[in-house]
C-alpha atoms as a PDB file:
ATOM      1  CA  MET A   1       4.405  -5.730 -21.888  1.00  0.00           C
ATOM      2  CA  CYS A   2       7.236  -6.752 -19.555  1.00  0.00           C
ATOM      3  CA  ASP A   3      10.906  -6.023 -20.119  1.00  0.00           C
ATOM      4  CA  ALA A   4      11.925  -9.581 -21.024  1.00  0.00           C
ATOM      5  CA  LYS A   5      15.643  -8.772 -21.158  1.00  0.00           C
ATOM      6  CA  LYS A   6      15.535  -7.642 -17.528  1.00  0.00           C
ATOM      7  CA  TYR A   7      14.139 -11.015 -16.465  1.00  0.00           C
ATOM      8  CA  PHE A   8      16.538 -13.003 -18.636  1.00  0.00           C
ATOM      9  CA  ASP A   9      19.401 -11.038 -17.055  1.00  0.00           C
ATOM     10  CA  MET A  10      18.001 -11.782 -13.588  1.00  0.00           C
ATOM     11  CA  TYR A  11      17.849 -15.479 -14.480  1.00  0.00           C
ATOM     12  CA  GLN A  12      21.497 -15.469 -15.522  1.00  0.00           C
ATOM     13  CA  ASP A  13      22.458 -13.716 -12.263  1.00  0.00           C
ATOM     14  CA  MET A  14      20.469 -16.158 -10.137  1.00  0.00           C
ATOM     15  CA  LYS A  15      22.061 -19.178 -11.832  1.00  0.00           C
ATOM     16  CA  THR A  16      25.421 -18.141 -10.341  1.00  0.00           C
ATOM     17  CA  LEU A  17      24.184 -18.251  -6.741  1.00  0.00           C
ATOM     18  CA  GLN A  18      25.804 -20.768  -4.410  1.00  0.00           C
ATOM     19  CA  PRO A  19      23.853 -22.749  -1.787  1.00  0.00           C
ATOM     20  CA  GLU A  20      25.094 -20.463   0.995  1.00  0.00           C
ATOM     21  CA  ASP A  21      23.832 -17.470  -1.013  1.00  0.00           C
ATOM     22  CA  THR A  22      20.309 -18.835  -1.293  1.00  0.00           C
ATOM     23  CA  LEU A  23      20.368 -19.772   2.402  1.00  0.00           C
ATOM     24  CA  GLN A  24      21.335 -16.197   3.258  1.00  0.00           C
ATOM     25  CA  LEU A  25      18.487 -14.901   1.101  1.00  0.00           C
ATOM     26  CA  VAL A  26      16.022 -17.181   2.907  1.00  0.00           C
ATOM     27  CA  LEU A  27      17.322 -16.066   6.300  1.00  0.00           C
ATOM     28  CA  GLU A  28      17.047 -12.390   5.363  1.00  0.00           C
ATOM     29  CA  ALA A  29      13.644 -12.652   3.654  1.00  0.00           C
ATOM     30  CA  LYS A  30      11.093 -10.101   4.832  1.00  0.00           C
ATOM     31  CA  ASP A  31       8.098 -12.419   4.674  1.00  0.00           C
ATOM     32  CA  GLU A  32       7.001 -15.991   4.034  1.00  0.00           C
ATOM     33  CA  ASP A  33       6.501 -15.419   0.300  1.00  0.00           C
ATOM     34  CA  GLU A  34      10.126 -14.307  -0.088  1.00  0.00           C
ATOM     35  CA  LYS A  35      11.322 -17.266   1.993  1.00  0.00           C
ATOM     36  CA  LYS A  36       9.322 -19.627  -0.195  1.00  0.00           C
ATOM     37  CA  PHE A  37      10.625 -18.028  -3.408  1.00  0.00           C
ATOM     38  CA  PHE A  38      14.276 -18.159  -2.377  1.00  0.00           C
ATOM     39  CA  GLY A  39      13.843 -21.680  -1.038  1.00  0.00           C
ATOM     40  CA  MET A  40      12.402 -22.795  -4.376  1.00  0.00           C
ATOM     41  CA  LEU A  41      15.271 -21.048  -6.156  1.00  0.00           C
ATOM     42  CA  GLY A  42      17.793 -22.926  -4.016  1.00  0.00           C
ATOM     43  CA  ASN A  43      16.032 -26.225  -4.738  1.00  0.00           C
ATOM     44  CA  PHE A  44      15.979 -25.481  -8.461  1.00  0.00           C
ATOM     45  CA  LEU A  45      19.706 -24.714  -8.525  1.00  0.00           C
ATOM     46  CA  LEU A  46      20.473 -27.870  -6.556  1.00  0.00           C
ATOM     47  CA  GLN A  47      18.403 -29.970  -8.961  1.00  0.00           C
ATOM     48  CA  GLU A  48      20.272 -28.440 -11.908  1.00  0.00           C
ATOM     49  CA  LYS A  49      23.614 -29.412 -10.343  1.00  0.00           C
ATOM     50  CA  GLN A  50      22.338 -32.913  -9.565  1.00  0.00           C
ATOM     51  CA  GLN A  51      21.179 -33.357 -13.165  1.00  0.00           C
ATOM     52  CA  LYS A  52      24.612 -32.317 -14.462  1.00  0.00           C
ATOM     53  CA  VAL A  53      26.340 -34.829 -12.155  1.00  0.00           C
ATOM     54  CA  ILE A  54      24.021 -37.582 -13.399  1.00  0.00           C
ATOM     55  CA  GLU A  55      24.494 -36.634 -17.066  1.00  0.00           C
ATOM     56  CA  ASP A  56      28.283 -36.627 -16.633  1.00  0.00           C
ATOM     57  CA  ASN A  57      28.129 -40.074 -14.962  1.00  0.00           C
ATOM     58  CA  LEU A  58      29.803 -38.709 -11.845  1.00  0.00           C
ATOM     59  CA  PHE A  59      27.298 -40.417  -9.590  1.00  0.00           C
END
């Protein structure tokens, strides 16, 4: 069984990343899988911010 708390903690840490942070992670990735993962993470975080702007009627 996995250590769920470890992954929930990682999720909370990743939610605080800024776009320049995820770009840096993509640029420093060791292989294509890491680039893809960090790119998807950046897209996810951007979509979360976009959703908040829409919900708050700021768009």
